[in-house]
PDB file of all heavy atoms in Angstrom:
ATOM      1  N   LEU A   1      -3.644  -6.791   1.163  1.00  0.00           N
ATOM      2  CA  LEU A   1      -2.564  -5.942   0.694  1.00  0.00           C
ATOM      3  C   LEU A   1      -1.603  -5.557   1.751  1.00  0.00           C
ATOM      4  O   LEU A   1      -0.400  -5.840   1.627  1.00  0.00           O
ATOM      5  CB  LEU A   1      -3.234  -4.700   0.044  1.00  0.00           C
ATOM      6  CG  LEU A   1      -2.183  -3.583  -0.343  1.00  0.00           C
ATOM      7  CD1 LEU A   1      -1.279  -4.113  -1.436  1.00  0.00           C
ATOM      8  CD2 LEU A   1      -2.923  -2.324  -0.732  1.00  0.00           C
ATOM      9  N   LEU A   2      -2.080  -4.965   2.849  1.00  0.00           N
ATOM     10  CA  LEU A   2      -1.135  -4.543   3.884  1.00  0.00           C
ATOM     11  C   LEU A   2      -0.567  -5.724   4.688  1.00  0.00           C
ATOM     12  O   LEU A   2       0.624  -5.664   5.078  1.00  0.00           O
ATOM     13  CB  LEU A   2      -1.856  -3.573   4.809  1.00  0.00           C
ATOM     14  CG  LEU A   2      -2.162  -2.188   4.232  1.00  0.00           C
ATOM     15  CD1 LEU A   2      -2.659  -1.253   5.315  1.00  0.00           C
ATOM     16  CD2 LEU A   2      -0.998  -1.604   3.495  1.00  0.00           C
ATOM     17  N   ARG A   3      -1.316  -6.789   4.797  1.00  0.00           N
ATOM     18  CA  ARG A   3      -0.801  -7.974   5.452  1.00  0.00           C
ATOM     19  C   ARG A   3       0.441  -8.539   4.705  1.00  0.00           C
ATOM     20  O   ARG A   3       1.439  -8.826   5.261  1.00  0.00           O
ATOM     21  CB  ARG A   3      -1.897  -9.038   5.612  1.00  0.00           C
ATOM     22  CG  ARG A   3      -1.392 -10.324   6.298  1.00  0.00           C
ATOM     23  CD  ARG A   3      -2.478 -11.346   6.405  1.00  0.00           C
ATOM     24  NE  ARG A   3      -3.146 -11.607   5.066  1.00  0.00           N
ATOM     25  CZ  ARG A   3      -2.624 -12.375   4.161  1.00  0.00           C
ATOM     26  NH1 ARG A   3      -1.440 -12.961   4.388  1.00  0.00           N
ATOM     27  NH2 ARG A   3      -3.279 -12.582   3.046  1.00  0.00           N
ATOM     28  N   VAL A   4       0.267  -8.686   3.389  1.00  0.00           N
ATOM     29  CA  VAL A   4       1.323  -9.178   2.584  1.00  0.00           C
ATOM     30  C   VAL A   4       2.535  -8.267   2.513  1.00  0.00           C
ATOM     31  O   VAL A   4       3.726  -8.705   2.658  1.00  0.00           O
ATOM     32  CB  VAL A   4       0.866  -9.498   1.076  1.00  0.00           C
ATOM     33  CG1 VAL A   4       2.026  -9.774   0.158  1.00  0.00           C
ATOM     34  CG2 VAL A   4      -0.093 -10.677   1.097  1.00  0.00           C
ATOM     35  N   LEU A   5       2.261  -6.963   2.365  1.00  0.00           N
ATOM     36  CA  LEU A   5       3.394  -5.999   2.329  1.00  0.00           C
ATOM     37  C   LEU A   5       4.148  -6.019   3.649  1.00  0.00           C
ATOM     38  O   LEU A   5       5.397  -5.917   3.621  1.00  0.00           O
ATOM     39  CB  LEU A   5       2.837  -4.619   2.025  1.00  0.00           C
ATOM     40  CG  LEU A   5       2.253  -4.378   0.626  1.00  0.00           C
ATOM     41  CD1 LEU A   5       1.842  -2.898   0.471  1.00  0.00           C
ATOM     42  CD2 LEU A   5       3.303  -4.729  -0.481  1.00  0.00           C
ATOM     43  N   GLU A   6       3.480  -6.116   4.759  1.00  0.00           N
ATOM     44  CA  GLU A   6       4.166  -6.109   6.084  1.00  0.00           C
ATOM     45  C   GLU A   6       4.948  -7.440   6.259  1.00  0.00           C
ATOM     46  O   GLU A   6       6.065  -7.476   6.695  1.00  0.00           O
ATOM     47  CB  GLU A   6       3.184  -5.897   7.174  1.00  0.00           C
ATOM     48  CG  GLU A   6       3.941  -5.839   8.539  1.00  0.00           C
ATOM     49  CD  GLU A   6       2.999  -5.520   9.703  1.00  0.00           C
ATOM     50  OE1 GLU A   6       2.036  -6.279   9.880  1.00  0.00           O
ATOM     51  OE2 GLU A   6       3.292  -4.556  10.450  1.00  0.00           O
ATOM     52  N   GLU A   7       4.294  -8.607   5.974  1.00  0.00           N
ATOM     53  CA  GLU A   7       4.961  -9.841   6.113  1.00  0.00           C
ATOM     54  C   GLU A   7       6.209  -9.975   5.345  1.00  0.00           C
ATOM     55  O   GLU A   7       7.205 -10.617   5.799  1.00  0.00           O
ATOM     56  CB  GLU A   7       3.987 -11.013   5.710  1.00  0.00           C
ATOM     57  CG  GLU A   7       2.867 -11.245   6.695  1.00  0.00           C
ATOM     58  CD  GLU A   7       1.869 -12.279   6.180  1.00  0.00           C
ATOM     59  OE1 GLU A   7       1.943 -12.673   4.970  1.00  0.00           O
ATOM     60  OE2 GLU A   7       1.038 -12.739   6.987  1.00  0.00           O
ATOM     61  N   ARG A   8       6.240  -9.355   4.206  1.00  0.00           N
ATOM     62  CA  ARG A   8       7.403  -9.546   3.314  1.00  0.00           C
ATOM     63  C   ARG A   8       8.401  -8.351   3.419  1.00  0.00           C
ATOM     64  O   ARG A   8       9.437  -8.361   2.783  1.00  0.00           O
ATOM     65  CB  ARG A   8       6.948  -9.639   1.867  1.00  0.00           C
ATOM     66  CG  ARG A   8       6.289 -11.019   1.637  1.00  0.00           C
ATOM     67  CD  ARG A   8       5.961 -11.291   0.140  1.00  0.00           C
ATOM     68  NE  ARG A   8       5.538 -12.645  -0.027  1.00  0.00           N
ATOM     69  CZ  ARG A   8       6.348 -13.618  -0.422  1.00  0.00           C
ATOM     70  NH1 ARG A   8       7.657 -13.403  -0.690  1.00  0.00           N
ATOM     71  NH2 ARG A   8       5.895 -14.872  -0.614  1.00  0.00           N
ATOM     72  N   GLY A   9       8.128  -7.390   4.332  1.00  0.00           N
ATOM     73  CA  GLY A   9       9.114  -6.380   4.652  1.00  0.00           C
ATOM     74  C   GLY A   9       9.128  -5.196   3.744  1.00  0.00           C
ATOM     75  O   GLY A   9      10.183  -4.513   3.644  1.00  0.00           O
ATOM     76  N   TYR A  10       7.972  -4.845   3.144  1.00  0.00           N
ATOM     77  CA  TYR A  10       7.962  -3.708   2.214  1.00  0.00           C
ATOM     78  C   TYR A  10       7.678  -2.379   2.904  1.00  0.00           C
ATOM     79  O   TYR A  10       7.941  -1.303   2.329  1.00  0.00           O
ATOM     80  CB  TYR A  10       6.912  -3.913   1.114  1.00  0.00           C
ATOM     81  CG  TYR A  10       7.226  -4.997   0.140  1.00  0.00           C
ATOM     82  CD1 TYR A  10       6.632  -6.258   0.257  1.00  0.00           C
ATOM     83  CD2 TYR A  10       8.074  -4.771  -0.922  1.00  0.00           C
ATOM     84  CE1 TYR A  10       6.955  -7.240  -0.662  1.00  0.00           C
ATOM     85  CE2 TYR A  10       8.343  -5.721  -1.865  1.00  0.00           C
ATOM     86  CZ  TYR A  10       7.787  -7.053  -1.706  1.00  0.00           C
ATOM     87  OH  TYR A  10       8.056  -7.997  -2.594  1.00  0.00           O
ATOM     88  N   ILE A  11       7.045  -2.365   4.085  1.00  0.00           N
ATOM     89  CA  ILE A  11       6.530  -1.129   4.644  1.00  0.00           C
ATOM     90  C   ILE A  11       7.544  -0.419   5.520  1.00  0.00           C
ATOM     91  O   ILE A  11       8.071  -1.021   6.464  1.00  0.00           O
ATOM     92  CB  ILE A  11       5.220  -1.388   5.449  1.00  0.00           C
ATOM     93  CG1 ILE A  11       4.172  -2.006   4.548  1.00  0.00           C
ATOM     94  CG2 ILE A  11       4.756  -0.122   6.094  1.00  0.00           C
ATOM     95  CD1 ILE A  11       2.863  -2.363   5.259  1.00  0.00           C
ATOM     96  N   HIS A  12       7.810   0.802   5.212  1.00  0.00           N
ATOM     97  CA  HIS A  12       8.603   1.693   6.064  1.00  0.00           C
ATOM     98  C   HIS A  12       7.795   2.805   6.694  1.00  0.00           C
ATOM     99  O   HIS A  12       7.756   2.933   7.890  1.00  0.00           O
ATOM    100  CB  HIS A  12       9.769   2.283   5.248  1.00  0.00           C
ATOM    101  CG  HIS A  12      10.642   3.266   5.963  1.00  0.00           C
ATOM    102  ND1 HIS A  12      11.322   2.929   7.102  1.00  0.00           N
ATOM    103  CD2 HIS A  12      10.869   4.596   5.760  1.00  0.00           C
ATOM    104  CE1 HIS A  12      11.975   3.928   7.594  1.00  0.00           C
ATOM    105  NE2 HIS A  12      11.737   5.000   6.771  1.00  0.00           N
ATOM    106  N   GLN A  13       7.108   3.575   5.848  1.00  0.00           N
ATOM    107  CA  GLN A  13       6.216   4.619   6.288  1.00  0.00           C
ATOM    108  C   GLN A  13       4.849   4.511   5.631  1.00  0.00           C
ATOM    109  O   GLN A  13       4.751   4.091   4.487  1.00  0.00           O
ATOM    110  CB  GLN A  13       6.801   6.033   5.969  1.00  0.00           C
ATOM    111  CG  GLN A  13       8.113   6.345   6.701  1.00  0.00           C
ATOM    112  CD  GLN A  13       8.853   7.476   6.049  1.00  0.00           C
ATOM    113  OE1 GLN A  13       9.229   7.433   4.877  1.00  0.00           O
ATOM    114  NE2 GLN A  13       9.017   8.570   6.799  1.00  0.00           N
ATOM    115  N   LEU A  14       3.835   4.853   6.382  1.00  0.00           N
ATOM    116  CA  LEU A  14       2.471   4.774   5.884  1.00  0.00           C
ATOM    117  C   LEU A  14       1.680   5.944   6.452  1.00  0.00           C
ATOM    118  O   LEU A  14       1.674   6.148   7.697  1.00  0.00           O
ATOM    119  CB  LEU A  14       1.838   3.406   6.299  1.00  0.00           C
ATOM    120  CG  LEU A  14       0.492   2.984   5.714  1.00  0.00           C
ATOM    121  CD1 LEU A  14       0.490   3.004   4.217  1.00  0.00           C
ATOM    122  CD2 LEU A  14       0.168   1.558   6.226  1.00  0.00           C
ATOM    123  N   THR A  15       1.007   6.717   5.601  1.00  0.00           N
ATOM    124  CA  THR A  15       0.326   7.913   6.116  1.00  0.00           C
ATOM    125  C   THR A  15      -0.840   7.660   6.987  1.00  0.00           C
ATOM    126  O   THR A  15      -1.037   8.340   7.970  1.00  0.00           O
ATOM    127  CB  THR A  15      -0.097   8.812   4.897  1.00  0.00           C
ATOM    128  OG1 THR A  15      -0.944   8.006   4.000  1.00  0.00           O
ATOM    129  CG2 THR A  15       1.099   9.298   4.116  1.00  0.00           C
ATOM    130  N   ASP A  16      -1.667   6.707   6.642  1.00  0.00           N
ATOM    131  CA  ASP A  16      -2.893   6.391   7.424  1.00  0.00           C
ATOM    132  C   ASP A  16      -3.135   4.883   7.300  1.00  0.00           C
ATOM    133  O   ASP A  16      -3.924   4.450   6.474  1.00  0.00           O
ATOM    134  CB  ASP A  16      -4.055   7.222   6.908  1.00  0.00           C
ATOM    135  CG  ASP A  16      -5.352   6.875   7.639  1.00  0.00           C
ATOM    136  OD1 ASP A  16      -5.348   6.144   8.608  1.00  0.00           O
ATOM    137  OD2 ASP A  16      -6.427   7.386   7.187  1.00  0.00           O
ATOM    138  N   ALA A  17      -2.453   4.076   8.131  1.00  0.00           N
ATOM    139  CA  ALA A  17      -2.507   2.638   8.007  1.00  0.00           C
ATOM    140  C   ALA A  17      -3.956   2.154   8.164  1.00  0.00           C
ATOM    141  O   ALA A  17      -4.425   1.268   7.411  1.00  0.00           O
ATOM    142  CB  ALA A  17      -1.616   1.971   9.101  1.00  0.00           C
ATOM    143  N   GLU A  18      -4.627   2.684   9.184  1.00  0.00           N
ATOM    144  CA  GLU A  18      -5.997   2.192   9.442  1.00  0.00           C
ATOM    145  C   GLU A  18      -6.928   2.523   8.269  1.00  0.00           C
ATOM    146  O   GLU A  18      -7.750   1.652   7.795  1.00  0.00           O
ATOM    147  CB  GLU A  18      -6.543   2.801  10.723  1.00  0.00           C
ATOM    148  CG  GLU A  18      -7.916   2.328  11.127  1.00  0.00           C
ATOM    149  CD  GLU A  18      -8.435   2.966  12.411  1.00  0.00           C
ATOM    150  OE1 GLU A  18      -7.615   3.629  13.104  1.00  0.00           O
ATOM    151  OE2 GLU A  18      -9.565   2.754  12.770  1.00  0.00           O
ATOM    152  N   GLY A  19      -6.814   3.713   7.738  1.00  0.00           N
ATOM    153  CA  GLY A  19      -7.687   4.135   6.654  1.00  0.00           C
ATOM    154  C   GLY A  19      -7.437   3.336   5.367  1.00  0.00           C
ATOM    155  O   GLY A  19      -8.329   2.867   4.700  1.00  0.00           O
ATOM    156  N   LEU A  20      -6.140   3.086   5.011  1.00  0.00           N
ATOM    157  CA  LEU A  20      -5.817   2.353   3.825  1.00  0.00           C
ATOM    158  C   LEU A  20      -6.193   0.896   4.003  1.00  0.00           C
ATOM    159  O   LEU A  20      -6.677   0.267   3.096  1.00  0.00           O
ATOM    160  CB  LEU A  20      -4.317   2.473   3.514  1.00  0.00           C
ATOM    161  CG  LEU A  20      -3.812   1.707   2.262  1.00  0.00           C
ATOM    162  CD1 LEU A  20      -4.538   2.126   1.060  1.00  0.00           C
ATOM    163  CD2 LEU A  20      -2.322   1.923   2.087  1.00  0.00           C
ATOM    164  N   ASP A  21      -5.986   0.353   5.183  1.00  0.00           N
ATOM    165  CA  ASP A  21      -6.362  -1.042   5.424  1.00  0.00           C
ATOM    166  C   ASP A  21      -7.853  -1.274   5.253  1.00  0.00           C
ATOM    167  O   ASP A  21      -8.272  -2.280   4.618  1.00  0.00           O
ATOM    168  CB  ASP A  21      -5.985  -1.416   6.867  1.00  0.00           C
ATOM    169  CG  ASP A  21      -6.113  -2.887   7.162  1.00  0.00           C
ATOM    170  OD1 ASP A  21      -5.798  -3.709   6.298  1.00  0.00           O
ATOM    171  OD2 ASP A  21      -6.553  -3.217   8.297  1.00  0.00           O
ATOM    172  N   LYS A  22      -8.648  -0.347   5.727  1.00  0.00           N
ATOM    173  CA  LYS A  22     -10.088  -0.409   5.606  1.00  0.00           C
ATOM    174  C   LYS A  22     -10.513  -0.298   4.183  1.00  0.00           C
ATOM    175  O   LYS A  22     -11.398  -1.060   3.674  1.00  0.00           O
ATOM    176  CB  LYS A  22     -10.763   0.699   6.420  1.00  0.00           C
ATOM    177  CG  LYS A  22     -12.288   0.657   6.454  1.00  0.00           C
ATOM    178  CD  LYS A  22     -12.838   1.761   7.345  1.00  0.00           C
ATOM    179  CE  LYS A  22     -14.338   1.744   7.373  1.00  0.00           C
ATOM    180  NZ  LYS A  22     -14.923   2.803   8.251  1.00  0.00           N
ATOM    181  N   LEU A  23      -9.902   0.647   3.450  1.00  0.00           N
ATOM    182  CA  LEU A  23     -10.224   0.819   2.018  1.00  0.00           C
ATOM    183  C   LEU A  23      -9.853  -0.437   1.189  1.00  0.00           C
ATOM    184  O   LEU A  23     -10.624  -0.889   0.390  1.00  0.00           O
ATOM    185  CB  LEU A  23      -9.455   2.036   1.447  1.00  0.00           C
ATOM    186  CG  LEU A  23      -9.787   2.440   0.012  1.00  0.00           C
ATOM    187  CD1 LEU A  23     -11.173   2.957  -0.098  1.00  0.00           C
ATOM    188  CD2 LEU A  23      -8.738   3.473  -0.477  1.00  0.00           C
ATOM    189  N   ALA A  24      -8.689  -0.940   1.451  1.00  0.00           N
ATOM    190  CA  ALA A  24      -8.181  -2.095   0.672  1.00  0.00           C
ATOM    191  C   ALA A  24      -8.965  -3.373   0.978  1.00  0.00           C
ATOM    192  O   ALA A  24      -9.044  -4.329   0.129  1.00  0.00           O
ATOM    193  CB  ALA A  24      -6.661  -2.334   0.966  1.00  0.00           C
ATOM    194  N   ALA A  25      -9.595  -3.436   2.139  1.00  0.00           N
ATOM    195  CA  ALA A  25     -10.390  -4.613   2.478  1.00  0.00           C
ATOM    196  C   ALA A  25     -11.766  -4.513   1.844  1.00  0.00           C
ATOM    197  O   ALA A  25     -12.474  -5.493   1.679  1.00  0.00           O
ATOM    198  CB  ALA A  25     -10.499  -4.735   4.011  1.00  0.00           C
ATOM    199  N   ALA A  26     -12.174  -3.268   1.409  1.00  0.00           N
ATOM    200  CA  ALA A  26     -13.532  -3.039   0.943  1.00  0.00           C
ATOM    201  C   ALA A  26     -13.638  -2.954  -0.605  1.00  0.00           C
ATOM    202  O   ALA A  26     -14.672  -3.242  -1.150  1.00  0.00           O
ATOM    203  CB  ALA A  26     -14.098  -1.767   1.589  1.00  0.00           C
ATOM    204  N   GLN A  27     -12.558  -2.573  -1.238  1.00  0.00           N
ATOM    205  CA  GLN A  27     -12.640  -2.300  -2.697  1.00  0.00           C
ATOM    206  C   GLN A  27     -11.291  -2.442  -3.394  1.00  0.00           C
ATOM    207  O   GLN A  27     -10.244  -2.529  -2.727  1.00  0.00           O
ATOM    208  CB  GLN A  27     -13.201  -0.908  -2.961  1.00  0.00           C
ATOM    209  CG  GLN A  27     -12.273   0.249  -2.490  1.00  0.00           C
ATOM    210  CD  GLN A  27     -12.823   1.601  -2.748  1.00  0.00           C
ATOM    211  OE1 GLN A  27     -13.761   2.019  -2.155  1.00  0.00           O
ATOM    212  NE2 GLN A  27     -12.163   2.308  -3.730  1.00  0.00           N
ATOM    213  N   VAL A  28     -11.330  -2.439  -4.698  1.00  0.00           N
ATOM    214  CA  VAL A  28     -10.106  -2.398  -5.495  1.00  0.00           C
ATOM    215  C   VAL A  28      -9.449  -1.023  -5.352  1.00  0.00           C
ATOM    216  O   VAL A  28     -10.107   0.024  -5.603  1.00  0.00           O
ATOM    217  CB  VAL A  28     -10.377  -2.718  -6.970  1.00  0.00           C
ATOM    218  CG1 VAL A  28      -9.135  -2.524  -7.840  1.00  0.00           C
ATOM    219  CG2 VAL A  28     -10.918  -4.120  -7.162  1.00  0.00           C
ATOM    220  N   VAL A  29      -8.220  -0.971  -4.978  1.00  0.00           N
ATOM    221  CA  VAL A  29      -7.488   0.269  -4.779  1.00  0.00           C
ATOM    222  C   VAL A  29      -6.465   0.415  -5.948  1.00  0.00           C
ATOM    223  O   VAL A  29      -5.529  -0.338  -6.035  1.00  0.00           O
ATOM    224  CB  VAL A  29      -6.733   0.275  -3.453  1.00  0.00           C
ATOM    225  CG1 VAL A  29      -5.933   1.598  -3.331  1.00  0.00           C
ATOM    226  CG2 VAL A  29      -7.692   0.146  -2.325  1.00  0.00           C
ATOM    227  N   PRO A  30      -6.678   1.458  -6.808  1.00  0.00           N
ATOM    228  CA  PRO A  30      -5.597   1.727  -7.811  1.00  0.00           C
ATOM    229  C   PRO A  30      -4.458   2.425  -7.100  1.00  0.00           C
ATOM    230  O   PRO A  30      -4.658   3.421  -6.395  1.00  0.00           O
ATOM    231  CB  PRO A  30      -6.309   2.667  -8.794  1.00  0.00           C
ATOM    232  CG  PRO A  30      -7.809   2.552  -8.505  1.00  0.00           C
ATOM    233  CD  PRO A  30      -7.906   2.194  -7.048  1.00  0.00           C
ATOM    234  N   GLY A  31      -3.254   1.920  -7.322  1.00  0.00           N
ATOM    235  CA  GLY A  31      -2.052   2.502  -6.717  1.00  0.00           C
ATOM    236  C   GLY A  31      -0.990   2.644  -7.753  1.00  0.00           C
ATOM    237  O   GLY A  31      -0.865   1.831  -8.709  1.00  0.00           O
ATOM    238  N   TYR A  32      -0.117   3.605  -7.555  1.00  0.00           N
ATOM    239  CA  TYR A  32       0.917   3.834  -8.605  1.00  0.00           C
ATOM    240  C   TYR A  32       2.264   4.097  -7.983  1.00  0.00           C
ATOM    241  O   TYR A  32       2.444   4.463  -6.821  1.00  0.00           O
ATOM    242  CB  TYR A  32       0.527   4.994  -9.501  1.00  0.00           C
ATOM    243  CG  TYR A  32       0.941   6.399  -9.080  1.00  0.00           C
ATOM    244  CD1 TYR A  32       2.097   7.037  -9.567  1.00  0.00           C
ATOM    245  CD2 TYR A  32       0.182   7.098  -8.160  1.00  0.00           C
ATOM    246  CE1 TYR A  32       2.435   8.297  -9.156  1.00  0.00           C
ATOM    247  CE2 TYR A  32       0.540   8.395  -7.761  1.00  0.00           C
ATOM    248  CZ  TYR A  32       1.664   8.977  -8.251  1.00  0.00           C
ATOM    249  OH  TYR A  32       2.024  10.267  -7.881  1.00  0.00           O
ATOM    250  N   ILE A  33       3.283   3.876  -8.814  1.00  0.00           N
ATOM    251  CA  ILE A  33       4.667   4.259  -8.556  1.00  0.00           C
ATOM    252  C   ILE A  33       5.209   4.898  -9.788  1.00  0.00           C
ATOM    253  O   ILE A  33       4.930   4.426 -10.925  1.00  0.00           O
ATOM    254  CB  ILE A  33       5.541   3.055  -8.194  1.00  0.00           C
ATOM    255  CG1 ILE A  33       4.997   2.384  -6.935  1.00  0.00           C
ATOM    256  CG2 ILE A  33       7.008   3.477  -7.911  1.00  0.00           C
ATOM    257  CD1 ILE A  33       5.746   1.085  -6.490  1.00  0.00           C
ATOM    258  N   GLY A  34       6.011   5.932  -9.651  1.00  0.00           N
ATOM    259  CA  GLY A  34       6.581   6.646 -10.811  1.00  0.00           C
ATOM    260  C   GLY A  34       8.022   6.241 -11.054  1.00  0.00           C
ATOM    261  O   GLY A  34       8.764   6.011 -10.142  1.00  0.00           O
ATOM    262  N   PHE A  35       8.393   6.193 -12.329  1.00  0.00           N
ATOM    263  CA  PHE A  35       9.747   5.803 -12.760  1.00  0.00           C
ATOM    264  C   PHE A  35      10.188   6.791 -13.873  1.00  0.00           C
ATOM    265  O   PHE A  35       9.508   6.886 -14.917  1.00  0.00           O
ATOM    266  CB  PHE A  35       9.797   4.390 -13.322  1.00  0.00           C
ATOM    267  CG  PHE A  35       9.325   3.330 -12.318  1.00  0.00           C
ATOM    268  CD1 PHE A  35       7.940   2.983 -12.228  1.00  0.00           C
ATOM    269  CD2 PHE A  35      10.224   2.656 -11.485  1.00  0.00           C
ATOM    270  CE1 PHE A  35       7.493   2.044 -11.378  1.00  0.00           C
ATOM    271  CE2 PHE A  35       9.740   1.728 -10.570  1.00  0.00           C
ATOM    272  CZ  PHE A  35       8.414   1.406 -10.513  1.00  0.00           C
ATOM    273  N   ASP A  36      11.257   7.483 -13.666  1.00  0.00           N
ATOM    274  CA  ASP A  36      11.811   8.346 -14.705  1.00  0.00           C
ATOM    275  C   ASP A  36      12.552   7.482 -15.736  1.00  0.00           C
ATOM    276  O   ASP A  36      13.154   6.494 -15.354  1.00  0.00           O
ATOM    277  CB  ASP A  36      12.643   9.414 -14.191  1.00  0.00           C
ATOM    278  CG  ASP A  36      11.854  10.627 -13.640  1.00  0.00           C
ATOM    279  OD1 ASP A  36      10.643  10.684 -13.908  1.00  0.00           O
ATOM    280  OD2 ASP A  36      12.445  11.466 -12.944  1.00  0.00           O
ATOM    281  N   ALA A  37      12.529   7.909 -16.991  1.00  0.00           N
ATOM    282  CA  ALA A  37      13.107   7.134 -18.110  1.00  0.00           C
ATOM    283  C   ALA A  37      14.470   7.669 -18.454  1.00  0.00           C
ATOM    284  O   ALA A  37      14.734   8.131 -19.557  1.00  0.00           O
ATOM    285  CB  ALA A  37      12.164   7.219 -19.276  1.00  0.00           C
ATOM    286  N   THR A  38      15.408   7.631 -17.527  1.00  0.00           N
ATOM    287  CA  THR A  38      16.760   8.199 -17.763  1.00  0.00           C
ATOM    288  C   THR A  38      17.714   7.227 -18.447  1.00  0.00           C
ATOM    289  O   THR A  38      18.818   7.532 -18.804  1.00  0.00           O
ATOM    290  CB  THR A  38      17.378   8.623 -16.416  1.00  0.00           C
ATOM    291  OG1 THR A  38      17.354   7.514 -15.519  1.00  0.00           O
ATOM    292  CG2 THR A  38      16.608   9.718 -15.797  1.00  0.00           C
TER     293      THR A  38
END
């Protein structure tokens, strides 16, 4: 996850890179983005 996001230029800020990297390497991580319906 983080390898692809970094290689393709998506990452600007990350709260805990090491912690998320470890979690994403070990299990399925549900992640979300919000979109308002204007």
